[in-house]
Amino acid sequence: NEGGHVAIISAGWDPGMFSLNRLYAGAILPEGNDYTFW
């Protein structure tokens, strides 16, 4: 904000694509549990 620029942090697959899928799934099924296996 100080420099007038845009940043994206923590991009990749976890965090990143896995985070997105946890968000989508939790929003669709609010009553449930998340499991992440690496």
PDB file of all heavy atoms in Angstrom:
ATOM      1  N   ASN A   1       0.829  -1.207   0.000  1.00  0.00           N
ATOM      2  CA  ASN A   1       0.000   0.000   0.000  1.00  0.00           C
ATOM      3  C   ASN A   1       0.865   1.259   0.000  1.00  0.00           C
ATOM      4  O   ASN A   1       0.570   2.232  -0.700  1.00  0.00           O
ATOM      5  CB  ASN A   1      -0.938  -0.007   1.207  1.00  0.00           C
ATOM      6  CG  ASN A   1      -2.187  -0.837   0.970  1.00  0.00           C
ATOM      7  OD1 ASN A   1      -2.832  -0.710  -0.069  1.00  0.00           O
ATOM      8  ND2 ASN A   1      -2.533  -1.690   1.931  1.00  0.00           N
ATOM      9  N   GLU A   2       1.944   1.214   0.756  1.00  0.00           N
ATOM     10  CA  GLU A   2       2.863   2.352   0.798  1.00  0.00           C
ATOM     11  C   GLU A   2       3.459   2.626  -0.583  1.00  0.00           C
ATOM     12  O   GLU A   2       3.583   3.784  -1.011  1.00  0.00           O
ATOM     13  CB  GLU A   2       3.991   2.074   1.800  1.00  0.00           C
ATOM     14  CG  GLU A   2       5.062   3.156   1.851  1.00  0.00           C
ATOM     15  CD  GLU A   2       6.275   2.735   2.688  1.00  0.00           C
ATOM     16  OE1 GLU A   2       6.106   1.873   3.581  1.00  0.00           O
ATOM     17  OE2 GLU A   2       7.377   3.254   2.437  1.00  0.00           O
ATOM     18  N   GLY A   3       3.815   1.561  -1.297  1.00  0.00           N
ATOM     19  CA  GLY A   3       4.440   1.724  -2.598  1.00  0.00           C
ATOM     20  C   GLY A   3       3.467   1.828  -3.753  1.00  0.00           C
ATOM     21  O   GLY A   3       3.882   2.062  -4.889  1.00  0.00           O
ATOM     22  N   GLY A   4       2.173   1.620  -3.481  1.00  0.00           N
ATOM     23  CA  GLY A   4       1.180   1.669  -4.544  1.00  0.00           C
ATOM     24  C   GLY A   4       1.198   0.452  -5.446  1.00  0.00           C
ATOM     25  O   GLY A   4       0.930   0.547  -6.647  1.00  0.00           O
ATOM     26  N   HIS A   5       1.508  -0.719  -4.850  1.00  0.00           N
ATOM     27  CA  HIS A   5       1.616  -1.950  -5.630  1.00  0.00           C
ATOM     28  C   HIS A   5       0.668  -3.033  -5.110  1.00  0.00           C
ATOM     29  O   HIS A   5       0.053  -2.879  -4.056  1.00  0.00           O
ATOM     30  CB  HIS A   5       3.059  -2.457  -5.604  1.00  0.00           C
ATOM     31  CG  HIS A   5       4.024  -1.527  -6.248  1.00  0.00           C
ATOM     32  ND1 HIS A   5       4.953  -0.798  -5.533  1.00  0.00           N
ATOM     33  CD2 HIS A   5       4.199  -1.175  -7.541  1.00  0.00           C
ATOM     34  CE1 HIS A   5       5.657  -0.043  -6.356  1.00  0.00           C
ATOM     35  NE2 HIS A   5       5.218  -0.258  -7.588  1.00  0.00           N
ATOM     36  N   VAL A   6       0.600  -4.124  -5.870  1.00  0.00           N
ATOM     37  CA  VAL A   6      -0.218  -5.279  -5.513  1.00  0.00           C
ATOM     38  C   VAL A   6       0.704  -6.464  -5.249  1.00  0.00           C
ATOM     39  O   VAL A   6       1.694  -6.667  -5.968  1.00  0.00           O
ATOM     40  CB  VAL A   6      -1.215  -5.640  -6.635  1.00  0.00           C
ATOM     41  CG1 VAL A   6      -2.061  -6.847  -6.235  1.00  0.00           C
ATOM     42  CG2 VAL A   6      -2.111  -4.459  -6.958  1.00  0.00           C
ATOM     43  N   ALA A   7       0.373  -7.250  -4.223  1.00  0.00           N
ATOM     44  CA  ALA A   7       1.145  -8.456  -3.902  1.00  0.00           C
ATOM     45  C   ALA A   7       0.194  -9.634  -3.722  1.00  0.00           C
ATOM     46  O   ALA A   7      -0.919  -9.468  -3.213  1.00  0.00           O
ATOM     47  CB  ALA A   7       1.943  -8.248  -2.614  1.00  0.00           C
ATOM     48  N   ILE A   8       0.633 -10.799  -4.148  1.00  0.00           N
ATOM     49  CA  ILE A   8      -0.022 -12.056  -3.760  1.00  0.00           C
ATOM     50  C   ILE A   8       1.019 -12.875  -3.018  1.00  0.00           C
ATOM     51  O   ILE A   8       2.107 -13.125  -3.543  1.00  0.00           O
ATOM     52  CB  ILE A   8      -0.559 -12.851  -4.954  1.00  0.00           C
ATOM     53  CG1 ILE A   8      -1.707 -12.100  -5.633  1.00  0.00           C
ATOM     54  CG2 ILE A   8      -1.052 -14.228  -4.501  1.00  0.00           C
ATOM     55  CD1 ILE A   8      -2.293 -12.818  -6.842  1.00  0.00           C
ATOM     56  N   ILE A   9       0.697 -13.272  -1.792  1.00  0.00           N
ATOM     57  CA  ILE A   9       1.607 -14.099  -1.001  1.00  0.00           C
ATOM     58  C   ILE A   9       1.065 -15.522  -0.881  1.00  0.00           C
ATOM     59  O   ILE A   9      -0.115 -15.782  -1.134  1.00  0.00           O
ATOM     60  CB  ILE A   9       1.835 -13.513   0.408  1.00  0.00           C
ATOM     61  CG1 ILE A   9       0.531 -13.519   1.215  1.00  0.00           C
ATOM     62  CG2 ILE A   9       2.435 -12.112   0.337  1.00  0.00           C
ATOM     63  CD1 ILE A   9       0.710 -13.406   2.711  1.00  0.00           C
ATOM     64  N   SER A  10       1.945 -16.434  -0.484  1.00  0.00           N
ATOM     65  CA  SER A  10       1.568 -17.818  -0.159  1.00  0.00           C
ATOM     66  C   SER A  10       0.871 -18.503  -1.318  1.00  0.00           C
ATOM     67  O   SER A  10      -0.111 -19.228  -1.134  1.00  0.00           O
ATOM     68  CB  SER A  10       0.702 -17.847   1.107  1.00  0.00           C
ATOM     69  OG  SER A  10       1.401 -17.273   2.193  1.00  0.00           O
ATOM     70  N   ALA A  11       1.376 -18.265  -2.531  1.00  0.00           N
ATOM     71  CA  ALA A  11       0.848 -18.921  -3.721  1.00  0.00           C
ATOM     72  C   ALA A  11       1.614 -20.218  -3.957  1.00  0.00           C
ATOM     73  O   ALA A  11       2.831 -20.264  -3.828  1.00  0.00           O
ATOM     74  CB  ALA A  11       0.983 -18.003  -4.937  1.00  0.00           C
ATOM     75  N   GLY A  12       0.904 -21.252  -4.293  1.00  0.00           N
ATOM     76  CA  GLY A  12       1.497 -22.567  -4.518  1.00  0.00           C
ATOM     77  C   GLY A  12       0.385 -23.586  -4.421  1.00  0.00           C
ATOM     78  O   GLY A  12      -0.746 -23.325  -4.814  1.00  0.00           O
ATOM     79  N   TRP A  13       0.695 -24.759  -3.843  1.00  0.00           N
ATOM     80  CA  TRP A  13      -0.383 -25.751  -3.725  1.00  0.00           C
ATOM     81  C   TRP A  13      -0.828 -25.953  -2.281  1.00  0.00           C
ATOM     82  O   TRP A  13      -2.000 -26.201  -2.050  1.00  0.00           O
ATOM     83  CB  TRP A  13      -0.034 -27.044  -4.443  1.00  0.00           C
ATOM     84  CG  TRP A  13       1.206 -27.757  -4.021  1.00  0.00           C
ATOM     85  CD1 TRP A  13       2.475 -27.513  -4.421  1.00  0.00           C
ATOM     86  CD2 TRP A  13       1.286 -28.884  -3.132  1.00  0.00           C
ATOM     87  NE1 TRP A  13       3.337 -28.393  -3.833  1.00  0.00           N
ATOM     88  CE2 TRP A  13       2.640 -29.251  -3.055  1.00  0.00           C
ATOM     89  CE3 TRP A  13       0.337 -29.621  -2.422  1.00  0.00           C
ATOM     90  CZ2 TRP A  13       3.078 -30.317  -2.274  1.00  0.00           C
ATOM     91  CZ3 TRP A  13       0.759 -30.691  -1.648  1.00  0.00           C
ATOM     92  CH2 TRP A  13       2.117 -31.027  -1.573  1.00  0.00           C
ATOM     93  N   ASP A  14       0.054 -25.810  -1.314  1.00  0.00           N
ATOM     94  CA  ASP A  14      -0.405 -25.755   0.072  1.00  0.00           C
ATOM     95  C   ASP A  14       0.630 -25.011   0.899  1.00  0.00           C
ATOM     96  O   ASP A  14       1.675 -25.575   1.220  1.00  0.00           O
ATOM     97  CB  ASP A  14      -0.634 -27.152   0.651  1.00  0.00           C
ATOM     98  CG  ASP A  14      -1.515 -27.104   1.901  1.00  0.00           C
ATOM     99  OD1 ASP A  14      -1.921 -25.988   2.299  1.00  0.00           O
ATOM    100  OD2 ASP A  14      -1.814 -28.175   2.473  1.00  0.00           O
ATOM    101  N   PRO A  15       0.362 -23.735   1.212  1.00  0.00           N
ATOM    102  CA  PRO A  15      -0.869 -22.984   0.966  1.00  0.00           C
ATOM    103  C   PRO A  15      -1.021 -22.634  -0.518  1.00  0.00           C
ATOM    104  O   PRO A  15      -0.039 -22.558  -1.251  1.00  0.00           O
ATOM    105  CB  PRO A  15      -0.673 -21.709   1.795  1.00  0.00           C
ATOM    106  CG  PRO A  15       0.809 -21.537   1.871  1.00  0.00           C
ATOM    107  CD  PRO A  15       1.384 -22.924   1.915  1.00  0.00           C
ATOM    108  N   GLY A  16      -2.277 -22.413  -0.920  1.00  0.00           N
ATOM    109  CA  GLY A  16      -2.576 -22.063  -2.295  1.00  0.00           C
ATOM    110  C   GLY A  16      -3.761 -22.841  -2.810  1.00  0.00           C
ATOM    111  O   GLY A  16      -4.885 -22.647  -2.364  1.00  0.00           O
ATOM    112  N   MET A  17      -3.517 -23.786  -3.740  1.00  0.00           N
ATOM    113  CA  MET A  17      -4.618 -24.532  -4.345  1.00  0.00           C
ATOM    114  C   MET A  17      -5.363 -25.378  -3.316  1.00  0.00           C
ATOM    115  O   MET A  17      -6.592 -25.489  -3.361  1.00  0.00           O
ATOM    116  CB  MET A  17      -4.076 -25.424  -5.470  1.00  0.00           C
ATOM    117  CG  MET A  17      -3.405 -24.655  -6.605  1.00  0.00           C
ATOM    118  SD  MET A  17      -4.439 -23.345  -7.301  1.00  0.00           S
ATOM    119  CE  MET A  17      -5.807 -24.309  -7.936  1.00  0.00           C
ATOM    120  N   PHE A  18      -4.633 -25.987  -2.367  1.00  0.00           N
ATOM    121  CA  PHE A  18      -5.315 -26.738  -1.314  1.00  0.00           C
ATOM    122  C   PHE A  18      -6.168 -25.797  -0.452  1.00  0.00           C
ATOM    123  O   PHE A  18      -7.267 -26.158  -0.022  1.00  0.00           O
ATOM    124  CB  PHE A  18      -4.295 -27.471  -0.433  1.00  0.00           C
ATOM    125  CG  PHE A  18      -3.893 -28.825  -0.954  1.00  0.00           C
ATOM    126  CD1 PHE A  18      -4.168 -29.212  -2.258  1.00  0.00           C
ATOM    127  CD2 PHE A  18      -3.220 -29.724  -0.136  1.00  0.00           C
ATOM    128  CE1 PHE A  18      -3.796 -30.464  -2.738  1.00  0.00           C
ATOM    129  CE2 PHE A  18      -2.843 -30.976  -0.597  1.00  0.00           C
ATOM    130  CZ  PHE A  18      -3.131 -31.348  -1.900  1.00  0.00           C
ATOM    131  N   SER A  19      -5.662 -24.591  -0.197  1.00  0.00           N
ATOM    132  CA  SER A  19      -6.414 -23.620   0.604  1.00  0.00           C
ATOM    133  C   SER A  19      -7.731 -23.283  -0.084  1.00  0.00           C
ATOM    134  O   SER A  19      -8.792 -23.210   0.562  1.00  0.00           O
ATOM    135  CB  SER A  19      -5.599 -22.334   0.785  1.00  0.00           C
ATOM    136  OG  SER A  19      -4.271 -22.616   1.154  1.00  0.00           O
ATOM    137  N   LEU A  20      -7.680 -23.047  -1.401  1.00  0.00           N
ATOM    138  CA  LEU A  20      -8.881 -22.744  -2.167  1.00  0.00           C
ATOM    139  C   LEU A  20      -9.905 -23.861  -2.056  1.00  0.00           C
ATOM    140  O   LEU A  20     -11.099 -23.616  -1.878  1.00  0.00           O
ATOM    141  CB  LEU A  20      -8.531 -22.551  -3.640  1.00  0.00           C
ATOM    142  CG  LEU A  20      -8.134 -21.169  -4.126  1.00  0.00           C
ATOM    143  CD1 LEU A  20      -7.779 -21.232  -5.611  1.00  0.00           C
ATOM    144  CD2 LEU A  20      -9.260 -20.171  -3.897  1.00  0.00           C
ATOM    145  N   ASN A  21      -9.435 -25.083  -2.160  1.00  0.00           N
ATOM    146  CA  ASN A  21     -10.364 -26.207  -2.113  1.00  0.00           C
ATOM    147  C   ASN A  21     -10.936 -26.418  -0.720  1.00  0.00           C
ATOM    148  O   ASN A  21     -12.086 -26.827  -0.580  1.00  0.00           O
ATOM    149  CB  ASN A  21      -9.681 -27.462  -2.658  1.00  0.00           C
ATOM    150  CG  ASN A  21      -9.629 -27.431  -4.167  1.00  0.00           C
ATOM    151  OD1 ASN A  21     -10.568 -27.839  -4.825  1.00  0.00           O
ATOM    152  ND2 ASN A  21      -8.544 -26.912  -4.720  1.00  0.00           N
ATOM    153  N   ARG A  22     -10.149 -26.126   0.319  1.00  0.00           N
ATOM    154  CA  ARG A  22     -10.715 -26.168   1.676  1.00  0.00           C
ATOM    155  C   ARG A  22     -11.811 -25.111   1.824  1.00  0.00           C
ATOM    156  O   ARG A  22     -12.852 -25.352   2.446  1.00  0.00           O
ATOM    157  CB  ARG A  22      -9.607 -25.965   2.709  1.00  0.00           C
ATOM    158  CG  ARG A  22      -8.686 -27.174   2.885  1.00  0.00           C
ATOM    159  CD  ARG A  22      -7.727 -27.014   4.065  1.00  0.00           C
ATOM    160  NE  ARG A  22      -6.642 -26.091   3.780  1.00  0.00           N
ATOM    161  CZ  ARG A  22      -5.417 -26.450   3.409  1.00  0.00           C
ATOM    162  NH1 ARG A  22      -5.129 -27.732   3.243  1.00  0.00           N
ATOM    163  NH2 ARG A  22      -4.481 -25.548   3.199  1.00  0.00           N
ATOM    164  N   LEU A  23     -11.565 -23.919   1.236  1.00  0.00           N
ATOM    165  CA  LEU A  23     -12.556 -22.845   1.321  1.00  0.00           C
ATOM    166  C   LEU A  23     -13.830 -23.219   0.580  1.00  0.00           C
ATOM    167  O   LEU A  23     -14.950 -23.112   1.123  1.00  0.00           O
ATOM    168  CB  LEU A  23     -11.971 -21.549   0.754  1.00  0.00           C
ATOM    169  CG  LEU A  23     -12.834 -20.279   0.875  1.00  0.00           C
ATOM    170  CD1 LEU A  23     -11.957 -19.047   0.903  1.00  0.00           C
ATOM    171  CD2 LEU A  23     -13.836 -20.157  -0.264  1.00  0.00           C
ATOM    172  N   TYR A  24     -13.712 -23.651  -0.676  1.00  0.00           N
ATOM    173  CA  TYR A  24     -14.890 -24.008  -1.475  1.00  0.00           C
ATOM    174  C   TYR A  24     -15.703 -25.101  -0.788  1.00  0.00           C
ATOM    175  O   TYR A  24     -16.923 -25.016  -0.665  1.00  0.00           O
ATOM    176  CB  TYR A  24     -14.458 -24.501  -2.861  1.00  0.00           C
ATOM    177  CG  TYR A  24     -14.081 -23.425  -3.838  1.00  0.00           C
ATOM    178  CD1 TYR A  24     -12.914 -23.529  -4.593  1.00  0.00           C
ATOM    179  CD2 TYR A  24     -14.882 -22.307  -4.040  1.00  0.00           C
ATOM    180  CE1 TYR A  24     -12.548 -22.552  -5.505  1.00  0.00           C
ATOM    181  CE2 TYR A  24     -14.525 -21.324  -4.948  1.00  0.00           C
ATOM    182  CZ  TYR A  24     -13.360 -21.448  -5.682  1.00  0.00           C
ATOM    183  OH  TYR A  24     -13.015 -20.478  -6.582  1.00  0.00           O
ATOM    184  N   ALA A  25     -15.007 -26.154  -0.342  1.00  0.00           N
ATOM    185  CA  ALA A  25     -15.719 -27.290   0.245  1.00  0.00           C
ATOM    186  C   ALA A  25     -16.392 -26.911   1.555  1.00  0.00           C
ATOM    187  O   ALA A  25     -17.522 -27.325   1.822  1.00  0.00           O
ATOM    188  CB  ALA A  25     -14.740 -28.450   0.463  1.00  0.00           C
ATOM    189  N   GLY A  26     -15.724 -26.097   2.373  1.00  0.00           N
ATOM    190  CA  GLY A  26     -16.314 -25.685   3.642  1.00  0.00           C
ATOM    191  C   GLY A  26     -17.508 -24.760   3.460  1.00  0.00           C
ATOM    192  O   GLY A  26     -18.454 -24.778   4.245  1.00  0.00           O
ATOM    193  N   ALA A  27     -17.451 -23.928   2.421  1.00  0.00           N
ATOM    194  CA  ALA A  27     -18.577 -23.039   2.138  1.00  0.00           C
ATOM    195  C   ALA A  27     -19.794 -23.829   1.661  1.00  0.00           C
ATOM    196  O   ALA A  27     -20.940 -23.502   1.997  1.00  0.00           O
ATOM    197  CB  ALA A  27     -18.177 -22.005   1.095  1.00  0.00           C
ATOM    198  N   ILE A  28     -19.546 -24.890   0.898  1.00  0.00           N
ATOM    199  CA  ILE A  28     -20.641 -25.696   0.351  1.00  0.00           C
ATOM    200  C   ILE A  28     -21.207 -26.644   1.404  1.00  0.00           C
ATOM    201  O   ILE A  28     -22.421 -26.855   1.479  1.00  0.00           O
ATOM    202  CB  ILE A  28     -20.135 -26.479  -0.877  1.00  0.00           C
ATOM    203  CG1 ILE A  28     -19.786 -25.499  -2.006  1.00  0.00           C
ATOM    204  CG2 ILE A  28     -21.160 -27.486  -1.358  1.00  0.00           C
ATOM    205  CD1 ILE A  28     -18.918 -26.104  -3.082  1.00  0.00           C
ATOM    206  N   LEU A  29     -20.338 -27.230   2.220  1.00  0.00           N
ATOM    207  CA  LEU A  29     -20.755 -28.173   3.277  1.00  0.00           C
ATOM    208  C   LEU A  29     -20.332 -27.603   4.629  1.00  0.00           C
ATOM    209  O   LEU A  29     -19.316 -28.006   5.195  1.00  0.00           O
ATOM    210  CB  LEU A  29     -20.116 -29.546   3.059  1.00  0.00           C
ATOM    211  CG  LEU A  29     -20.502 -30.291   1.783  1.00  0.00           C
ATOM    212  CD1 LEU A  29     -19.700 -31.581   1.653  1.00  0.00           C
ATOM    213  CD2 LEU A  29     -22.006 -30.593   1.756  1.00  0.00           C
ATOM    214  N   PRO A  30     -21.108 -26.641   5.169  1.00  0.00           N
ATOM    215  CA  PRO A  30     -20.691 -26.011   6.427  1.00  0.00           C
ATOM    216  C   PRO A  30     -20.661 -26.966   7.615  1.00  0.00           C
ATOM    217  O   PRO A  30     -19.927 -26.728   8.574  1.00  0.00           O
ATOM    218  CB  PRO A  30     -21.714 -24.898   6.629  1.00  0.00           C
ATOM    219  CG  PRO A  30     -22.882 -25.277   5.790  1.00  0.00           C
ATOM    220  CD  PRO A  30     -22.341 -26.040   4.627  1.00  0.00           C
ATOM    221  N   GLU A  31     -21.456 -28.026   7.562  1.00  0.00           N
ATOM    222  CA  GLU A  31     -21.408 -29.039   8.630  1.00  0.00           C
ATOM    223  C   GLU A  31     -20.574 -30.200   8.127  1.00  0.00           C
ATOM    224  O   GLU A  31     -21.025 -30.999   7.305  1.00  0.00           O
ATOM    225  CB  GLU A  31     -22.816 -29.488   9.027  1.00  0.00           C
ATOM    226  CG  GLU A  31     -23.609 -28.400   9.724  1.00  0.00           C
ATOM    227  CD  GLU A  31     -24.590 -28.968  10.726  1.00  0.00           C
ATOM    228  OE1 GLU A  31     -24.443 -30.137  11.141  1.00  0.00           O
ATOM    229  OE2 GLU A  31     -25.512 -28.222  11.097  1.00  0.00           O
ATOM    230  N   GLY A  32     -19.326 -30.274   8.600  1.00  0.00           N
ATOM    231  CA  GLY A  32     -18.442 -31.329   8.140  1.00  0.00           C
ATOM    232  C   GLY A  32     -17.046 -31.150   8.682  1.00  0.00           C
ATOM    233  O   GLY A  32     -16.792 -30.315   9.551  1.00  0.00           O
ATOM    234  N   ASN A  33     -16.113 -31.929   8.149  1.00  0.00           N
ATOM    235  CA  ASN A  33     -14.730 -31.905   8.606  1.00  0.00           C
ATOM    236  C   ASN A  33     -13.777 -31.876   7.420  1.00  0.00           C
ATOM    237  O   ASN A  33     -14.018 -32.518   6.397  1.00  0.00           O
ATOM    238  CB  ASN A  33     -14.417 -33.147   9.460  1.00  0.00           C
ATOM    239  CG  ASN A  33     -15.189 -33.157  10.761  1.00  0.00           C
ATOM    240  OD1 ASN A  33     -15.013 -32.288  11.600  1.00  0.00           O
ATOM    241  ND2 ASN A  33     -16.070 -34.147  10.921  1.00  0.00           N
ATOM    242  N   ASP A  34     -12.686 -31.116   7.584  1.00  0.00           N
ATOM    243  CA  ASP A  34     -11.625 -31.059   6.583  1.00  0.00           C
ATOM    244  C   ASP A  34     -10.531 -32.063   6.929  1.00  0.00           C
ATOM    245  O   ASP A  34     -10.174 -32.236   8.100  1.00  0.00           O
ATOM    246  CB  ASP A  34     -10.976 -29.671   6.544  1.00  0.00           C
ATOM    247  CG  ASP A  34     -11.855 -28.636   5.878  1.00  0.00           C
ATOM    248  OD1 ASP A  34     -12.607 -28.992   4.963  1.00  0.00           O
ATOM    249  OD2 ASP A  34     -11.788 -27.463   6.287  1.00  0.00           O
ATOM    250  N   TYR A  35      -9.974 -32.679   5.885  1.00  0.00           N
ATOM    251  CA  TYR A  35      -8.824 -33.566   6.040  1.00  0.00           C
ATOM    252  C   TYR A  35      -7.833 -33.239   4.923  1.00  0.00           C
ATOM    253  O   TYR A  35      -8.215 -33.167   3.752  1.00  0.00           O
ATOM    254  CB  TYR A  35      -9.233 -35.037   5.927  1.00  0.00           C
ATOM    255  CG  TYR A  35     -10.221 -35.475   6.988  1.00  0.00           C
ATOM    256  CD1 TYR A  35     -11.589 -35.367   6.762  1.00  0.00           C
ATOM    257  CD2 TYR A  35      -9.781 -35.988   8.205  1.00  0.00           C
ATOM    258  CE1 TYR A  35     -12.506 -35.770   7.723  1.00  0.00           C
ATOM    259  CE2 TYR A  35     -10.692 -36.403   9.175  1.00  0.00           C
ATOM    260  CZ  TYR A  35     -12.052 -36.281   8.933  1.00  0.00           C
ATOM    261  OH  TYR A  35     -12.951 -36.677   9.890  1.00  0.00           O
ATOM    262  N   THR A  36      -6.588 -33.031   5.294  1.00  0.00           N
ATOM    263  CA  THR A  36      -5.545 -32.799   4.311  1.00  0.00           C
ATOM    264  C   THR A  36      -4.461 -33.857   4.489  1.00  0.00           C
ATOM    265  O   THR A  36      -3.930 -34.041   5.585  1.00  0.00           O
ATOM    266  CB  THR A  36      -4.922 -31.397   4.464  1.00  0.00           C
ATOM    267  OG1 THR A  36      -5.952 -30.406   4.329  1.00  0.00           O
ATOM    268  CG2 THR A  36      -3.870 -31.151   3.388  1.00  0.00           C
ATOM    269  N   PHE A  37      -4.191 -34.578   3.410  1.00  0.00           N
ATOM    270  CA  PHE A  37      -3.129 -35.579   3.393  1.00  0.00           C
ATOM    271  C   PHE A  37      -2.076 -35.129   2.393  1.00  0.00           C
ATOM    272  O   PHE A  37      -2.399 -34.731   1.272  1.00  0.00           O
ATOM    273  CB  PHE A  37      -3.666 -36.951   2.961  1.00  0.00           C
ATOM    274  CG  PHE A  37      -4.605 -37.589   3.946  1.00  0.00           C
ATOM    275  CD1 PHE A  37      -5.962 -37.319   3.905  1.00  0.00           C
ATOM    276  CD2 PHE A  37      -4.137 -38.481   4.902  1.00  0.00           C
ATOM    277  CE1 PHE A  37      -6.841 -37.917   4.799  1.00  0.00           C
ATOM    278  CE2 PHE A  37      -5.009 -39.090   5.809  1.00  0.00           C
ATOM    279  CZ  PHE A  37      -6.366 -38.802   5.758  1.00  0.00           C
ATOM    280  N   TRP A  38      -0.803 -35.196   2.795  1.00  0.00           N
ATOM    281  CA  TRP A  38       0.287 -34.828   1.905  1.00  0.00           C
ATOM    282  C   TRP A  38       1.062 -36.076   1.506  1.00  0.00           C
ATOM    283  O   TRP A  38       1.374 -36.925   2.336  1.00  0.00           O
ATOM    284  CB  TRP A  38       1.249 -33.857   2.587  1.00  0.00           C
ATOM    285  CG  TRP A  38       0.610 -32.566   2.975  1.00  0.00           C
ATOM    286  CD1 TRP A  38       0.344 -31.492   2.164  1.00  0.00           C
ATOM    287  CD2 TRP A  38       0.139 -32.198   4.275  1.00  0.00           C
ATOM    288  NE1 TRP A  38      -0.263 -30.489   2.886  1.00  0.00           N
ATOM    289  CE2 TRP A  38      -0.402 -30.885   4.183  1.00  0.00           C
ATOM    290  CE3 TRP A  38       0.110 -32.832   5.511  1.00  0.00           C
ATOM    291  CZ2 TRP A  38      -0.943 -30.213   5.267  1.00  0.00           C
ATOM    292  CZ3 TRP A  38      -0.434 -32.184   6.597  1.00  0.00           C
ATOM    293  CH2 TRP A  38      -0.952 -30.881   6.461  1.00  0.00           C
TER     294      TRP A  38
END
